[in-house]
């Protein structure tokens, strides 16, 4: 009841009109230019759940994502591709993140590819941190909040 009167009927929305209005607001203006290709990111992490989570989030943000679950697989991928950026775990079996990064920097097409090392090691010795920085890698620590992952990815590709 509404002050002694029955409640007014709920307004009926015309879903078709609503969607058309909404689409007009959210669609980018057509300036005749083709949409830019999505930026590509290679994720190399031996923890499948981390790699899958990072990939899902970045795909939702419009990135093209390729994952490798160890450094050897990642090295095989980068011989045939040129990602716009690489997000790399530091601690992996056989070949660690620093070793992977050194090999990547030896590939002419990846010399200047932006790389971020994401590690759960809160203490990296100064010489290792210095070497990572000299190789052009940003260093981030796990856990990496999803908003921070998105910000990191955008900063790597300058999107």
Protein backbone atom coordinates (compact mmCIF):
# COMPACT_ATOMS: atom_id res chain seq x y z
CA UNK A 1 0.00 0.00 0.00
CA UNK A 2 1.11 3.48 -0.80
CA UNK A 3 -0.38 6.05 1.67
CA UNK A 4 -3.64 4.23 1.75
CA UNK A 5 -3.68 3.51 -1.99
CA UNK A 6 -2.47 0.49 -3.86
CA UNK A 7 1.11 0.78 -5.10
CA UNK A 8 1.35 2.06 -8.65
CA UNK A 9 2.16 -0.60 -11.22
CA UNK A 10 5.84 -1.02 -11.98
CA UNK A 11 6.80 0.69 -15.22
CA UNK A 12 7.27 -1.68 -18.11
CA UNK A 13 10.59 -1.37 -19.86
CA UNK A 14 10.88 -1.85 -23.55
CA UNK A 15 13.96 -4.08 -23.63
CA UNK A 16 14.53 -3.46 -27.34
CA UNK A 17 14.73 0.30 -26.86
CA UNK A 18 16.91 -0.11 -23.77
CA UNK A 19 19.47 -2.24 -25.61
CA UNK A 20 19.55 0.07 -28.60
CA UNK A 21 20.17 3.03 -26.32
CA UNK A 22 22.78 1.14 -24.38
CA UNK A 23 24.59 -0.05 -27.54
CA UNK A 24 24.70 3.50 -28.86
CA UNK A 25 26.39 4.65 -25.67
CA UNK A 26 28.95 1.87 -25.39
CA UNK A 27 29.97 1.39 -29.03
CA UNK A 28 33.06 3.31 -30.02
CA UNK A 29 32.48 5.89 -32.72
CA UNK A 30 33.11 4.59 -36.22
CA UNK A 31 35.87 6.79 -37.56
CA UNK A 32 36.50 4.60 -40.58
CA UNK A 33 39.69 3.19 -39.06
CA UNK A 34 39.94 -0.53 -38.38
CA UNK A 35 40.01 -1.50 -34.73
CA UNK A 36 43.55 -2.09 -33.47
CA UNK A 37 44.61 -5.71 -33.17
CA UNK A 38 44.56 -7.02 -29.61
CA UNK A 39 47.92 -6.91 -27.89
CA UNK A 40 49.51 -10.31 -27.22
CA UNK A 41 50.96 -11.53 -23.95
CA UNK A 42 52.88 -14.72 -23.27
CA UNK A 43 52.49 -16.08 -19.74
CA UNK A 44 55.17 -18.54 -18.60
CA UNK A 45 54.41 -20.08 -15.21
CA UNK A 46 54.72 -23.66 -14.02
CA UNK A 47 51.75 -23.21 -11.67
CA UNK A 48 48.88 -24.07 -14.00
CA UNK A 49 46.25 -22.39 -11.79
CA UNK A 50 48.20 -19.10 -11.77
CA UNK A 51 48.79 -19.22 -15.52
CA UNK A 52 45.14 -20.07 -16.24
CA UNK A 53 43.83 -17.35 -13.91
CA UNK A 54 46.15 -14.72 -15.40
CA UNK A 55 45.16 -15.81 -18.91
CA UNK A 56 41.41 -15.66 -18.20
CA UNK A 57 41.60 -12.20 -16.67
CA UNK A 58 43.77 -10.78 -19.44
CA UNK A 59 41.56 -12.31 -22.15
CA UNK A 60 38.55 -10.61 -20.52
CA UNK A 61 40.50 -7.35 -20.81
CA UNK A 62 40.92 -7.89 -24.56
CA UNK A 63 44.46 -9.27 -24.69
CA UNK A 64 45.45 -12.21 -26.87
CA UNK A 65 47.09 -14.62 -24.42
CA UNK A 66 49.33 -17.65 -24.90
CA UNK A 67 50.43 -19.74 -21.93
CA UNK A 68 53.40 -22.01 -21.36
CA UNK A 69 53.67 -24.16 -18.26
CA UNK A 70 57.46 -24.27 -18.16
CA UNK A 71 60.38 -22.33 -19.57
CA UNK A 72 61.19 -24.93 -22.22
CA UNK A 73 57.67 -24.74 -23.62
CA UNK A 74 57.87 -20.95 -23.52
CA UNK A 75 61.16 -20.97 -25.43
CA UNK A 76 59.61 -23.19 -28.08
CA UNK A 77 56.74 -20.73 -28.47
CA UNK A 78 58.85 -17.56 -28.72
CA UNK A 79 60.92 -18.96 -31.56
CA UNK A 80 57.80 -18.72 -33.76
CA UNK A 81 56.00 -15.75 -32.22
CA UNK A 82 56.66 -12.22 -31.13
CA UNK A 83 54.45 -11.39 -28.16
CA UNK A 84 53.96 -7.75 -27.23
CA UNK A 85 54.92 -8.65 -23.64
CA UNK A 86 55.90 -11.58 -21.45
CA UNK A 87 54.78 -12.26 -17.88
CA UNK A 88 57.18 -14.74 -16.37
CA UNK A 89 57.44 -16.73 -13.15
CA UNK A 90 60.85 -16.62 -11.50
CA UNK A 91 60.91 -20.02 -9.80
CA UNK A 92 60.36 -22.85 -12.26
CA UNK A 93 61.96 -26.29 -12.44
CA UNK A 94 64.91 -26.95 -14.78
CA UNK A 95 65.07 -23.45 -16.29
CA UNK A 96 64.18 -20.58 -13.98
CA UNK A 97 62.84 -17.17 -14.96
CA UNK A 98 66.25 -15.49 -15.06
CA UNK A 99 67.69 -18.19 -17.31
CA UNK A 100 64.62 -17.97 -19.56
CA UNK A 101 64.95 -14.20 -19.77
CA UNK A 102 68.62 -14.46 -20.75
CA UNK A 103 67.71 -16.85 -23.58
CA UNK A 104 64.85 -14.58 -24.70
CA UNK A 105 67.20 -11.59 -24.86
CA UNK A 106 69.49 -13.61 -27.16
CA UNK A 107 66.68 -13.83 -29.74
CA UNK A 108 66.91 -10.79 -32.05
CA UNK A 109 63.12 -10.39 -32.39
CA UNK A 110 62.67 -10.30 -28.58
CA UNK A 111 65.56 -8.08 -27.50
CA UNK A 112 63.25 -5.24 -26.51
CA UNK A 113 60.06 -7.14 -25.65
CA UNK A 114 58.76 -5.93 -22.27
CA UNK A 115 59.00 -8.59 -19.56
CA UNK A 116 57.67 -8.73 -16.03
CA UNK A 117 58.95 -11.27 -13.54
CA UNK A 118 56.20 -12.27 -11.12
CA UNK A 119 57.53 -14.20 -8.15
CA UNK A 120 56.52 -15.51 -4.77
CA UNK A 121 60.10 -15.05 -3.54
CA UNK A 122 59.90 -11.96 -1.36
CA UNK A 123 63.64 -11.87 -0.99
CA UNK A 124 65.58 -11.85 -4.22
CA UNK A 125 69.28 -11.23 -3.68
CA UNK A 126 70.44 -7.83 -4.89
CA UNK A 127 72.67 -9.25 -7.66
CA UNK A 128 69.71 -11.18 -9.12
CA UNK A 129 67.44 -8.12 -8.93
CA UNK A 130 70.13 -6.04 -10.61
CA UNK A 131 70.59 -8.60 -13.38
CA UNK A 132 66.82 -8.80 -13.97
CA UNK A 133 66.63 -5.02 -14.23
CA UNK A 134 69.63 -4.91 -16.57
CA UNK A 135 67.80 -7.41 -18.77
CA UNK A 136 64.84 -5.02 -18.80
CA UNK A 137 62.45 -6.90 -16.53
CA UNK A 138 59.97 -5.38 -14.10
CA UNK A 139 59.69 -7.32 -10.84
CA UNK A 140 56.35 -7.97 -9.13
CA UNK A 141 55.53 -10.17 -6.17
CA UNK A 142 52.78 -12.77 -5.74
CA UNK A 143 50.07 -12.71 -4.82
CA UNK A 144 49.32 -10.28 -7.60
CA UNK A 145 45.82 -8.81 -7.26
CA UNK A 146 43.80 -8.95 -10.44
CA UNK A 147 43.62 -5.17 -10.75
CA UNK A 148 47.42 -5.06 -10.42
CA UNK A 149 47.76 -7.73 -13.11
CA UNK A 150 45.65 -5.68 -15.50
CA UNK A 151 47.61 -2.52 -14.73
CA UNK A 152 50.88 -4.42 -15.22
CA UNK A 153 49.77 -5.87 -18.55
CA UNK A 154 48.64 -2.47 -19.82
CA UNK A 155 51.89 -0.85 -18.75
CA UNK A 156 53.92 -3.56 -20.47
CA UNK A 157 52.16 -3.15 -23.82
CA UNK A 158 51.53 0.59 -23.38
CA UNK A 159 47.86 -0.04 -24.20
